[in-house]
Structure formats: structure tokens, C-alpha cells
C-alpha atoms as a PDB file:
ATOM      1  CA  MET A   1     170.161  47.831  93.381  1.00  0.00           C
ATOM      2  CA  GLY A   2     171.514  50.754  91.905  1.00  0.00           C
ATOM      3  CA  SER A   3     168.458  50.827  88.892  1.00  0.00           C
ATOM      4  CA  SER A   4     166.288  50.603  91.914  1.00  0.00           C
ATOM      5  CA  THR A   5     168.024  53.500  93.515  1.00  0.00           C
ATOM      6  CA  MET A   6     167.987  55.206  90.365  1.00  0.00           C
ATOM      7  CA  ASP A   7     164.603  54.720  89.862  1.00  0.00           C
ATOM      8  CA  ALA A   8     163.567  56.131  93.189  1.00  0.00           C
ATOM      9  CA  MET A   9     165.830  59.296  92.819  1.00  0.00           C
ATOM     10  CA  GLN A  10     164.197  60.014  89.309  1.00  0.00           C
ATOM     11  CA  VAL A  11     160.316  59.678  91.195  1.00  0.00           C
ATOM     12  CA  LEU A  12     161.600  62.025  93.762  1.00  0.00           C
ATOM     13  CA  PHE A  13     163.003  64.341  91.907  1.00  0.00           C
ATOM     14  CA  THR A  14     159.896  64.132  89.325  1.00  0.00           C
ATOM     15  CA  ALA A  15     157.804  64.806  92.597  1.00  0.00           C
ATOM     16  CA  PHE A  16     159.840  67.557  93.592  1.00  0.00           C
ATOM     17  CA  ASP A  17     159.337  68.648  90.257  1.00  0.00           C
ATOM     18  CA  THR A  18     155.891  68.708  90.047  1.00  0.00           C
ATOM     19  CA  GLY A  19     155.514  70.380  93.471  1.00  0.00           C
ATOM     20  CA  VAL A  20     157.433  73.056  92.448  1.00  0.00           C
ATOM     21  CA  SER A  21     156.205  73.294  89.260  1.00  0.00           C
ATOM     22  CA  SER A  22     152.467  73.327  91.168  1.00  0.00           C
ATOM     23  CA  VAL A  23     153.846  76.043  93.387  1.00  0.00           C
ATOM     24  CA  TRP A  24     154.960  78.108  90.723  1.00  0.00           C
ATOM     25  CA  ARG A  25     151.692  77.708  88.725  1.00  0.00           C
ATOM     26  CA  GLU A  26     149.582  78.787  92.100  1.00  0.00           C
ATOM     27  CA  GLU A  27     151.953  82.014  92.279  1.00  0.00           C
ATOM     28  CA  ASP A  28     151.326  82.650  88.189  1.00  0.00           C
ATOM     29  CA  ARG A  29     147.815  82.329  88.761  1.00  0.00           C
ATOM     30  CA  SER A  30     147.906  84.827  92.144  1.00  0.00           C
ATOM     31  CA  TRP A  31     150.076  86.973  90.253  1.00  0.00           C
ATOM     32  CA  ARG A  32     147.582  87.071  86.853  1.00  0.00           C
ATOM     33  CA  SER A  33     144.577  87.547  89.636  1.00  0.00           C
ATOM     34  CA  GLU A  34     146.602  90.450  91.070  1.00  0.00           C
ATOM     35  CA  ASP A  35     147.607  91.968  87.288  1.00  0.00           C
ATOM     36  CA  ARG A  36     143.832  91.794  86.626  1.00  0.00           C
ATOM     37  CA  GLN A  37     143.094  93.216  89.640  1.00  0.00           C
ATOM     38  CA  TRP A  38     145.166  96.091  88.857  1.00  0.00           C
ATOM     39  CA  ARG A  39     144.125  96.387  85.526  1.00  0.00           C
ATOM     40  CA  GLY A  40     140.632  96.846  86.938  1.00  0.00           C
ATOM     41  CA  GLU A  41     141.695  99.391  89.365  1.00  0.00           C
ATOM     42  CA  ASP A  42     143.711 101.527  86.265  1.00  0.00           C
ATOM     43  CA  ILE A  43     140.478 101.297  84.277  1.00  0.00           C
ATOM     44  CA  ASP A  44     138.593 102.358  87.274  1.00  0.00           C
ATOM     45  CA  TYR A  45     141.261 104.712  88.189  1.00  0.00           C
ATOM     46  CA  ARG A  46     140.913 105.868  84.094  1.00  0.00           C
ATOM     47  CA  GLY A  47     137.489 106.102  84.257  1.00  0.00           C
ATOM     48  CA  GLU A  48     137.777 108.832  87.590  1.00  0.00           C
ATOM     49  CA  GLU A  49     140.469 110.618  85.215  1.00  0.00           C
ATOM     50  CA  ARG A  50     138.106 111.339  82.412  1.00  0.00           C
ATOM     51  CA  ILE A  51     135.177 112.294  84.966  1.00  0.00           C
ATOM     52  CA  TRP A  52     137.937 114.312  86.827  1.00  0.00           C
ATOM     53  CA  ARG A  53     139.064 115.902  82.993  1.00  0.00           C
ATOM     54  CA  GLU A  54     135.544 116.270  82.331  1.00  0.00           C
ATOM     55  CA  GLU A  55     134.657 118.170  85.711  1.00  0.00           C
ATOM     56  CA  GLU A  56     138.095 120.225  85.068  1.00  0.00           C
ATOM     57  CA  ARG A  57     136.910 121.063  81.604  1.00  0.00           C
ATOM     58  CA  GLY A  58     133.667 122.170  82.878  1.00  0.00           C
ATOM     59  CA  MET A  59     135.054 124.264  85.696  1.00  0.00           C
ATOM     60  CA  ARG A  60     137.312 125.998  82.622  1.00  0.00           C
ATOM     61  CA  ASN A  61     133.769 126.621  80.560  1.00  0.00           C
ATOM     62  CA  ASN A  62     132.448 128.330  83.805  1.00  0.00           C
ATOM     63  CA  GLU A  63     135.396 130.075  84.656  1.00  0.00           C
ATOM     64  CA  LEU A  64     135.281 131.831  80.879  1.00  0.00           C
ATOM     65  CA  ARG A  65     131.564 132.185  81.509  1.00  0.00           C
ATOM     66  CA  TRP A  66     132.174 133.925  84.970  1.00  0.00           C
ATOM     67  CA  ARG A  67     134.725 135.810  83.044  1.00  0.00           C
ATOM     68  CA  GLU A  68     132.596 137.353  80.514  1.00  0.00           C
ATOM     69  CA  GLU A  69     129.785 137.844  82.924  1.00  0.00           C
ATOM     70  CA  ASP A  70     132.258 139.832  85.285  1.00  0.00           C
ATOM     71  CA  MET A  71     133.858 141.612  81.991  1.00  0.00           C
ATOM     72  CA  GLU A  72     130.150 142.661  80.899  1.00  0.00           C
ATOM     73  CA  GLN A  73     129.412 143.549  84.781  1.00  0.00           C
ATOM     74  CA  ARG A  74     132.307 145.517  84.850  1.00  0.00           C
ATOM     75  CA  HIS A  75     130.972 147.548  81.397  1.00  0.00           C
ATOM     76  CA  VAL A  76     127.835 148.094  82.657  1.00  0.00           C
ATOM     77  CA  GLU A  77     129.339 149.692  86.177  1.00  0.00           C
ATOM     78  CA  ASN A  78     131.990 151.812  83.725  1.00  0.00           C
ATOM     79  CA  ALA A  79     128.622 152.855  81.915  1.00  0.00           C
ATOM     80  CA  ARG A  80     126.774 153.755  85.199  1.00  0.00           C
ATOM     81  CA  TYR A  81     129.661 155.499  86.119  1.00  0.00           C
ATOM     82  CA  LEU A  82     129.887 157.561  83.376  1.00  0.00           C
ATOM     83  CA  TRP A  83     126.414 158.266  83.359  1.00  0.00           C
ATOM     84  CA  THR A  84     126.535 159.313  86.933  1.00  0.00           C
ATOM     85  CA  ARG A  85     129.628 162.059  85.666  1.00  0.00           C
ATOM     86  CA  PHE A  86     127.095 163.156  83.022  1.00  0.00           C
ATOM     87  CA  VAL A  87     124.158 163.388  85.674  1.00  0.00           C
ATOM     88  CA  GLU A  88     126.990 165.402  87.975  1.00  0.00           C
ATOM     89  CA  LYS A  89     128.040 167.605  85.333  1.00  0.00           C
ATOM     90  CA  ASN A  90     124.286 168.630  84.683  1.00  0.00           C
ATOM     91  CA  ARG A  91     123.539 168.914  87.934  1.00  0.00           C
ATOM     92  CA  ARG A  92     126.434 171.416  88.112  1.00  0.00           C
ATOM     93  CA  ASP A  93     125.870 173.250  84.912  1.00  0.00           C
ATOM     94  CA  VAL A  94     121.994 173.640  86.024  1.00  0.00           C
ATOM     95  CA  GLU A  95     123.357 175.250  89.310  1.00  0.00           C
ATOM     96  CA  GLU A  96     125.394 177.640  87.584  1.00  0.00           C
ATOM     97  CA  LYS A  97     123.329 178.870  85.531  1.00  0.00           C
ATOM     98  CA  SER A  98     121.007 179.385  87.922  1.00  0.00           C
ATOM     99  CA  GLU A  99     122.946 181.351  90.402  1.00  0.00           C
ATOM    100  CA  GLN A 100     124.363 183.120  87.373  1.00  0.00           C
ATOM    101  CA  LEU A 101     120.496 184.020  86.658  1.00  0.00           C
ATOM    102  CA  LYS A 102     119.437 184.799  90.173  1.00  0.00           C
ATOM    103  CA  ALA A 103     122.292 186.928  90.772  1.00  0.00           C
ATOM    104  CA  VAL A 104     121.649 189.332  87.274  1.00  0.00           C
ATOM    105  CA  SER A 105     117.630 188.897  88.168  1.00  0.00           C
ATOM    106  CA  ASN A 106     118.460 190.191  91.970  1.00  0.00           C
ATOM    107  CA  LEU A 107     120.609 192.993  90.968  1.00  0.00           C
ATOM    108  CA  ALA A 108     118.162 194.414  88.049  1.00  0.00           C
ATOM    109  CA  ALA A 109     115.192 194.611  90.589  1.00  0.00           C
ATOM    110  CA  LEU A 110     117.037 195.960  92.894  1.00  0.00           C
ATOM    111  CA  PHE A 111     118.614 198.720  90.423  1.00  0.00           C
ATOM    112  CA  ALA A 112     115.320 199.136  89.420  1.00  0.00           C
ATOM    113  CA  GLY A 113     113.699 199.613  92.648  1.00  0.00           C
ATOM    114  CA  PHE A 114     116.131 202.201  93.648  1.00  0.00           C
ATOM    115  CA  ALA A 115     115.759 204.519  90.341  1.00  0.00           C
ATOM    116  CA  VAL A 116     111.844 203.961  91.195  1.00  0.00           C
ATOM    117  CA  VAL A 117     112.399 204.996  94.903  1.00  0.00           C
ATOM    118  CA  THR A 118     114.614 207.829  93.270  1.00  0.00           C
ATOM    119  CA  LEU A 119     111.690 208.888  91.010  1.00  0.00           C
ATOM    120  CA  THR A 120     109.484 208.603  93.592  1.00  0.00           C
ATOM    121  CA  GLN A 121     111.054 210.736  96.572  1.00  0.00           C
ATOM    122  CA  PHE A 122     112.976 213.178  94.783  1.00  0.00           C
ATOM    123  CA  THR A 123     111.419 216.302  94.273  1.00  0.00           C
ATOM    124  CA  VAL A 124     111.986 218.570  91.367  1.00  0.00           C
ATOM    125  CA  ASP A 125     111.281 222.425  91.002  1.00  0.00           C
ATOM    126  CA  PRO A 126     110.909 223.618  87.521  1.00  0.00           C
ATOM    127  CA  THR A 127     110.955 226.872  88.245  1.00  0.00           C
ATOM    128  CA  GLN A 128     114.511 226.833  89.259  1.00  0.00           C
ATOM    129  CA  THR A 129     115.935 223.676  87.070  1.00  0.00           C
ATOM    130  CA  GLY A 130     116.245 223.968  83.796  1.00  0.00           C
ATOM    131  CA  ALA A 131     114.782 221.413  81.431  1.00  0.00           C
ATOM    132  CA  VAL A 132     117.327 220.381  80.030  1.00  0.00           C
ATOM    133  CA  TRP A 133     118.267 218.628  83.100  1.00  0.00           C
ATOM    134  CA  ILE A 134     114.886 217.544  84.134  1.00  0.00           C
ATOM    135  CA  VAL A 135     114.482 215.536  80.639  1.00  0.00           C
ATOM    136  CA  SER A 136     118.144 214.199  80.690  1.00  0.00           C
ATOM    137  CA  TYR A 137     116.640 212.477  84.154  1.00  0.00           C
ATOM    138  CA  GLY A 138     113.586 211.411  83.290  1.00  0.00           C
ATOM    139  CA  VAL A 139     114.867 209.724  80.029  1.00  0.00           C
ATOM    140  CA  LEU A 140     117.773 208.512  82.011  1.00  0.00           C
ATOM    141  CA  THR A 141     115.480 207.078  84.690  1.00  0.00           C
ATOM    142  CA  ALA A 142     113.259 205.529  82.328  1.00  0.00           C
ATOM    143  CA  ILE A 143     115.565 203.676  80.401  1.00  0.00           C
ATOM    144  CA  ALA A 144     116.898 202.295  83.890  1.00  0.00           C
ATOM    145  CA  VAL A 145     114.105 201.028  85.270  1.00  0.00           C
ATOM    146  CA  GLY A 146     112.842 199.789  81.426  1.00  0.00           C
ATOM    147  CA  LEU A 147     116.107 198.046  80.763  1.00  0.00           C
ATOM    148  CA  MET A 148     116.510 196.237  84.732  1.00  0.00           C
ATOM    149  CA  THR A 149     113.041 195.025  84.435  1.00  0.00           C
ATOM    150  CA  ILE A 150     113.618 193.330  80.472  1.00  0.00           C
ATOM    151  CA  ALA A 151     116.564 191.700  82.034  1.00  0.00           C
ATOM    152  CA  MET A 152     114.728 190.584  85.260  1.00  0.00           C
ATOM    153  CA  VAL A 153     112.113 189.018  83.477  1.00  0.00           C
ATOM    154  CA  THR A 154     114.130 187.449  80.701  1.00  0.00           C
ATOM    155  CA  CYS A 155     116.713 185.950  83.670  1.00  0.00           C
ATOM    156  CA  THR A 156     113.468 184.365  85.804  1.00  0.00           C
ATOM    157  CA  LEU A 157     112.038 182.986  82.648  1.00  0.00           C
ATOM    158  CA  ILE A 158     115.315 181.665  81.435  1.00  0.00           C
ATOM    159  CA  LEU A 159     115.732 180.720  85.220  1.00  0.00           C
ATOM    160  CA  GLY A 160     112.088 178.771  85.357  1.00  0.00           C
ATOM    161  CA  SER A 161     112.633 177.338  82.300  1.00  0.00           C
ATOM    162  CA  ILE A 162     115.916 175.200  83.026  1.00  0.00           C
ATOM    163  CA  LEU A 163     114.641 174.743  86.467  1.00  0.00           C
ATOM    164  CA  LYS A 164     111.709 172.680  84.359  1.00  0.00           C
ATOM    165  CA  ASN A 165     113.908 171.551  81.502  1.00  0.00           C
ATOM    166  CA  GLY A 166     117.332 170.442  83.644  1.00  0.00           C
ATOM    167  CA  LYS A 167     116.027 167.136  84.921  1.00  0.00           C
ATOM    168  CA  LEU A 168     114.468 165.768  81.406  1.00  0.00           C
ATOM    169  CA  TYR A 169     118.085 164.901  80.107  1.00  0.00           C
ATOM    170  CA  VAL A 170     118.881 162.714  83.161  1.00  0.00           C
ATOM    171  CA  ASN A 171     115.468 161.463  83.386  1.00  0.00           C
ATOM    172  CA  GLU A 172     115.062 156.805  83.175  1.00  0.00           C
ATOM    173  CA  GLU A 173     114.512 157.335  79.189  1.00  0.00           C
ATOM    174  CA  ALA A 174     118.034 159.098  78.682  1.00  0.00           C
ATOM    175  CA  GLU A 175     119.794 156.697  81.158  1.00  0.00           C
ATOM    176  CA  GLU A 176     118.179 153.631  79.319  1.00  0.00           C
ATOM    177  CA  GLU A 177     119.278 155.085  75.768  1.00  0.00           C
ATOM    178  CA  PHE A 178     122.787 156.052  77.120  1.00  0.00           C
ATOM    179  CA  MET A 179     122.940 152.409  78.704  1.00  0.00           C
ATOM    180  CA  PHE A 180     122.395 150.843  74.938  1.00  0.00           C
ATOM    181  CA  LYS A 181     124.468 152.948  73.499  1.00  0.00           C
ATOM    182  CA  CYS A 182     127.245 151.903  75.727  1.00  0.00           C
ATOM    183  CA  LYS A 183     126.863 148.296  75.093  1.00  0.00           C
ATOM    184  CA  ALA A 184     126.653 148.451  71.533  1.00  0.00           C
ATOM    185  CA  PHE A 185     129.727 150.444  72.022  1.00  0.00           C
ATOM    186  CA  VAL A 186     131.496 147.906  73.843  1.00  0.00           C
ATOM    187  CA  VAL A 187     130.252 145.021  71.102  1.00  0.00           C
ATOM    188  CA  ASN A 188     131.342 146.621  68.048  1.00  0.00           C
ATOM    189  CA  TYR A 189     134.600 147.971  69.557  1.00  0.00           C
ATOM    190  CA  LYS A 190     137.779 146.879  68.020  1.00  0.00           C
ATOM    191  CA  GLU A 191     141.267 147.825  69.175  1.00  0.00           C
ATOM    192  CA  GLY A 192     143.313 150.389  67.161  1.00  0.00           C
ATOM    193  CA  ILE A 193     140.709 152.325  66.457  1.00  0.00           C
ATOM    194  CA  ALA A 194     140.491 155.749  68.157  1.00  0.00           C
ATOM    195  CA  ARG A 195     136.655 156.140  69.461  1.00  0.00           C
ATOM    196  CA  ARG A 196     135.362 158.033  71.963  1.00  0.00           C
ATOM    197  CA  PRO A 197     133.032 156.160  74.430  1.00  0.00           C
ATOM    198  CA  PRO A 198     129.575 157.423  73.991  1.00  0.00           C
ATOM    199  CA  PHE A 199     127.985 160.980  74.843  1.00  0.00           C
ATOM    200  CA  PRO A 200     124.345 161.366  75.757  1.00  0.00           C
ATOM    201  CA  ARG A 201     122.468 162.311  72.631  1.00  0.00           C
ATOM    202  CA  LEU A 202     120.644 165.441  74.629  1.00  0.00           C
ATOM    203  CA  THR A 203     122.533 167.638  76.913  1.00  0.00           C
ATOM    204  CA  PHE A 204     121.995 170.683  79.211  1.00  0.00           C
ATOM    205  CA  GLU A 205     124.988 172.135  77.985  1.00  0.00           C
ATOM    206  CA  THR A 206     123.139 171.526  74.099  1.00  0.00           C
ATOM    207  CA  PHE A 207     120.079 172.871  75.391  1.00  0.00           C
ATOM    208  CA  TRP A 208     121.705 176.369  77.018  1.00  0.00           C
ATOM    209  CA  SER A 209     123.670 176.800  73.902  1.00  0.00           C
ATOM    210  CA  VAL A 210     121.079 176.505  71.414  1.00  0.00           C
ATOM    211  CA  ARG A 211     118.243 177.660  73.406  1.00  0.00           C
ATOM    212  CA  CYS A 212     119.575 179.962  76.378  1.00  0.00           C
ATOM    213  CA  GLU A 213     123.014 181.710  75.118  1.00  0.00           C
ATOM    214  CA  THR A 214     121.585 184.200  73.623  1.00  0.00           C
ATOM    215  CA  ASP A 215     118.738 185.727  75.545  1.00  0.00           C
ATOM    216  CA  TRP A 216     121.267 185.186  78.462  1.00  0.00           C
ATOM    217  CA  ARG A 217     123.908 187.321  77.014  1.00  0.00           C
ATOM    218  CA  ARG A 218     121.374 189.997  75.681  1.00  0.00           C
ATOM    219  CA  ALA A 219     119.785 190.050  79.540  1.00  0.00           C
ATOM    220  CA  PHE A 220     123.123 190.875  80.694  1.00  0.00           C
ATOM    221  CA  GLN A 221     123.796 193.533  78.341  1.00  0.00           C
ATOM    222  CA  LEU A 222     120.640 194.922  79.217  1.00  0.00           C
ATOM    223  CA  PHE A 223     121.172 194.777  82.715  1.00  0.00           C
ATOM    224  CA  ALA A 224     124.911 196.267  82.012  1.00  0.00           C
ATOM    225  CA  VAL A 225     123.315 199.329  80.388  1.00  0.00           C
ATOM    226  CA  GLY A 226     120.943 199.823  82.681  1.00  0.00           C
ATOM    227  CA  VAL A 227     123.410 200.121  84.910  1.00  0.00           C
ATOM    228  CA  LEU A 228     125.165 202.554  83.103  1.00  0.00           C
ATOM    229  CA  SER A 229     122.255 204.579  83.027  1.00  0.00           C
ATOM    230  CA  PHE A 230     121.525 204.467  86.636  1.00  0.00           C
ATOM    231  CA  LEU A 231     124.994 205.660  87.031  1.00  0.00           C
ATOM    232  CA  VAL A 232     124.564 208.621  84.705  1.00  0.00           C
ATOM    233  CA  SER A 233     121.170 209.234  86.130  1.00  0.00           C
ATOM    234  CA  LEU A 234     123.144 210.896  89.229  1.00  0.00           C
ATOM    235  CA  ILE A 235     124.433 213.363  87.411  1.00  0.00           C
ATOM    236  CA  PRO A 236     121.236 215.420  86.931  1.00  0.00           C
ATOM    237  CA  ILE A 237     119.699 214.533  90.281  1.00  0.00           C
ATOM    238  CA  GLY A 238     123.517 215.811  91.799  1.00  0.00           C
ATOM    239  CA  TRP A 239     123.226 219.032  89.770  1.00  0.00           C
ATOM    240  CA  ILE A 240     119.649 219.350  90.473  1.00  0.00           C
ATOM    241  CA  LYS A 241     119.976 218.502  94.212  1.00  0.00           C
ATOM    242  CA  PHE A 242     123.049 220.964  95.145  1.00  0.00           C
ATOM    243  CA  SER A 243     122.267 223.460  92.470  1.00  0.00           C
ATOM    244  CA  GLN A 244     122.159 226.425  95.145  1.00  0.00           C
ATOM    245  CA  SER A 245     126.141 224.960  95.740  1.00  0.00           C
ATOM    246  CA  PRO A 246     127.987 224.445  92.309  1.00  0.00           C
ATOM    247  CA  ILE A 247     131.056 223.398  93.783  1.00  0.00           C
ATOM    248  CA  THR A 248     129.196 220.694  95.842  1.00  0.00           C
ATOM    249  CA  ALA A 249     127.387 219.460  93.090  1.00  0.00           C
ATOM    250  CA  GLY A 250     130.853 219.719  90.895  1.00  0.00           C
ATOM    251  CA  LEU A 251     132.568 217.171  93.401  1.00  0.00           C
ATOM    252  CA  PHE A 252     129.563 215.130  93.143  1.00  0.00           C
ATOM    253  CA  ILE A 253     129.691 214.708  89.195  1.00  0.00           C
ATOM    254  CA  GLY A 254     133.277 214.360  89.309  1.00  0.00           C
ATOM    255  CA  ILE A 255     133.023 211.518  91.802  1.00  0.00           C
ATOM    256  CA  VAL A 256     129.996 209.637  89.728  1.00  0.00           C
ATOM    257  CA  GLY A 257     132.070 210.241  86.456  1.00  0.00           C
ATOM    258  CA  VAL A 258     134.845 208.334  88.250  1.00  0.00           C
ATOM    259  CA  SER A 259     132.735 205.884  89.469  1.00  0.00           C
ATOM    260  CA  ILE A 260     131.607 205.612  85.532  1.00  0.00           C
ATOM    261  CA  VAL A 261     135.185 205.162  84.163  1.00  0.00           C
ATOM    262  CA  VAL A 262     135.806 202.546  87.048  1.00  0.00           C
ATOM    263  CA  TRP A 263     132.685 200.787  86.173  1.00  0.00           C
ATOM    264  CA  GLY A 264     133.602 200.819  82.545  1.00  0.00           C
ATOM    265  CA  PHE A 265     137.092 199.018  83.262  1.00  0.00           C
ATOM    266  CA  VAL A 266     135.165 196.344  85.596  1.00  0.00           C
ATOM    267  CA  GLN A 267     132.487 195.761  82.799  1.00  0.00           C
ATOM    268  CA  PHE A 268     135.206 195.247  79.730  1.00  0.00           C
ATOM    269  CA  SER A 269     137.290 193.290  82.217  1.00  0.00           C
ATOM    270  CA  TRP A 270     134.631 191.038  83.629  1.00  0.00           C
ATOM    271  CA  GLY A 271     131.643 191.441  81.462  1.00  0.00           C
ATOM    272  CA  THR A 272     132.912 190.033  78.458  1.00  0.00           C
ATOM    273  CA  HIS A 273     134.378 186.853  80.204  1.00  0.00           C
ATOM    274  CA  MET A 274     130.839 186.183  81.558  1.00  0.00           C
ATOM    275  CA  THR A 275     129.237 186.240  78.082  1.00  0.00           C
ATOM    276  CA  SER A 276     132.370 184.291  76.432  1.00  0.00           C
ATOM    277  CA  ASN A 277     131.866 180.628  75.744  1.00  0.00           C
ATOM    278  CA  ILE A 278     135.193 178.323  76.429  1.00  0.00           C
ATOM    279  CA  SER A 279     136.445 176.823  73.628  1.00  0.00           C
ATOM    280  CA  ARG A 280     136.992 173.313  74.018  1.00  0.00           C
ATOM    281  CA  PRO A 281     138.930 170.917  71.784  1.00  0.00           C
ATOM    282  CA  GLN A 282     135.733 169.191  70.439  1.00  0.00           C
ATOM    283  CA  GLU A 283     134.206 172.740  69.053  1.00  0.00           C
ATOM    284  CA  HIS A 284     137.559 172.605  66.698  1.00  0.00           C
ATOM    285  CA  GLY A 285     137.543 169.512  65.679  1.00  0.00           C
ATOM    286  CA  MET A 286     139.943 167.978  67.646  1.00  0.00           C
ATOM    287  CA  GLN A 287     139.461 164.376  68.732  1.00  0.00           C
ATOM    288  CA  LEU A 288     141.101 163.034  71.915  1.00  0.00           C
ATOM    289  CA  PRO A 289     142.993 159.598  71.572  1.00  0.00           C
ATOM    290  CA  THR A 290     141.890 156.529  72.909  1.00  0.00           C
ATOM    291  CA  ALA A 291     143.850 153.664  74.036  1.00  0.00           C
ATOM    292  CA  GLY A 292     141.819 151.137  76.309  1.00  0.00           C
ATOM    293  CA  LEU A 293     138.041 149.232  75.584  1.00  0.00           C
ATOM    294  CA  PRO A 294     136.076 151.758  75.967  1.00  0.00           C
ATOM    295  CA  PHE A 295     135.728 154.098  78.912  1.00  0.00           C
ATOM    296  CA  ASP A 296     139.628 155.228  79.246  1.00  0.00           C
ATOM    297  CA  TRP A 297     138.795 158.460  81.243  1.00  0.00           C
ATOM    298  CA  HIS A 298     140.906 157.243  84.051  1.00  0.00           C
ATOM    299  CA  LEU A 299     144.446 157.269  81.409  1.00  0.00           C
ATOM    300  CA  SER A 300     146.167 160.481  80.973  1.00  0.00           C
ATOM    301  CA  PRO A 301     146.741 161.760  77.612  1.00  0.00           C
ATOM    302  CA  GLY A 302     150.411 161.388  77.219  1.00  0.00           C
ATOM    303  CA  SER A 303     149.539 157.904  78.166  1.00  0.00           C
ATOM    304  CA  ALA A 304     147.329 157.437  75.480  1.00  0.00           C
ATOM    305  CA  GLN A 305     149.298 159.073  72.448  1.00  0.00           C
ATOM    306  CA  GLN A 306     151.968 156.082  73.600  1.00  0.00           C
ATOM    307  CA  ALA A 307     149.686 153.585  73.751  1.00  0.00           C
ATOM    308  CA  ASN A 308     148.587 154.188  69.720  1.00  0.00           C
ATOM    309  CA  MET A 309     151.833 154.739  68.551  1.00  0.00           C
END
């Protein structure tokens, strides 16, 4: 009785253990299946992660390329702005010189017209006038008319020349050459080397200094001497005109003399200023320091010096 009971219990435990083992195997099999599924999902995720990293790397490369393109475009815009400054300066220089030449030419023609009108309208009686006064009047009038005519013609020809050649320094070929210089400057620029941005090879300022400055000064000097001759010619005119009244003639000559003295002071003060060149640092071998790449005109000289120290 006891042995059969023990056998029955053993069979029962064996069946229970077998059932439990079967259930455990099923759970283990399901866990392994889930683990394989998770591993598959992890592999898929890692594949997607690699794809994302490739896309991120491509995005970074695109950002670097876009950055380089943006910097190149900024250099082009800086060069374009610098060229616009040169064009504007060229335009202002042409307008300034044109106004100077027009003013001197018009005034020279006006003085020459006054002298010719005086010569044609003023009558002289040789029997009542000394030969010295007549000769003085004729010589001074001729000098005034001749010098004023030469000054007027010179200024007119120079004006025509600068109006013809002024636009040659801002044409498409000059712009193309300047933009190429700017591109080469950006490529070859090295930090720490003080170099100025590119400058146009041909400028109106250079043309004026080399070709027109000497003739302009000569024309202005002839104009000044012509004005002096015109004023001095009034002295014999006044003496001949008012010879019947010595007091009136003396007062007239005195007023003309004072006018000549005042004109001399004005001519010395402003005439020399008009014909003089304004010195610039580049003309004395000085070079302004630079700090940025490459168009650093927006920086003050003090900040540029501190950056180079």
C-alpha cells in the first residue's frame, strides 16, 4: 500500500515537473523569439541610424559648401561695393574738375568780352592824349584778351578731354579686371600680412595728375595774369576818359589800385590753394595698417593697429 502510494506520488511529481518544464520551455522559446525580434529591430534601428548619420554628414558637407559659397558671394559683394565706391569717386572727380574748368572758361570768356567791348566802344583822341597812355592801354588790352582767350581755349579742350575719357575708367573691361584682382587677392591672402585691397590700375585721378594737372595750372595762371592785365588796363582808360578832371581821374586810378591790391591778396590766398595738390599718406610712402580679410574699410585706423599688434 505504501509502495503504490509512493509510486503514484512519483508519477504525479514527474508529470508536474514535465508540465512545468514544458511551460518553461515554451516561455523560453517565446523569450528567445522576442529577443530575436528585438535584435532584428535593433539591427534595423542601427541601419537607420547609419542612414541618419550619412544624411547628417551630407548635411554638414552641404552646410560647409553653402558656407563657402556664401563667403565667396560676400567677397563678390564686397568687391562690388568697393568698385561702386571707385565709380562714385570717379564721377565726383569728373564733376569737380568739370565745374572748375567751366568756371574758369566762362570767366575768361567774360573778361575777354569786356576787354573787346571796351576796345570797340572806347574812343581815343590822339591829339589830346599822350602816346604813353595810348600804348599802355593797347598793350594791356591785347595782353588781357590774348591770355583770357588762351585760358578759355585750354580749359575748354581739357573739359572735352575729361568728358570723353572719364567714362573709360569705369567701363566693363575695367570692372572685369578689378573683380579678377579682388578674387586673386582673396585666394592669396594670408592673415597677419598687411596688404591693402586691390585698386584699379587706371583711374581718372591718375589721368588728371599725369595729363591735365600741368595744363590746368598753366591755364589758371594765365587767367590770373589776364585778370591783372584787365584791371591795370583800367588805369589808362580812366586817365584818358577823365583827363579833363584830374581829381576824378586820380580817384578812379586810386580805386583801381586798391582793387588790384585786394585782388592780389585774394589771388595769393585762394589761387595758390586751387592749384596746389592735397597731400595723401600714400604719396609719402605711408601704408595704412589692415586687420581683416580683405575689404576692411569699415574698420577705424585705431582698431586696425590694435589688431596687428
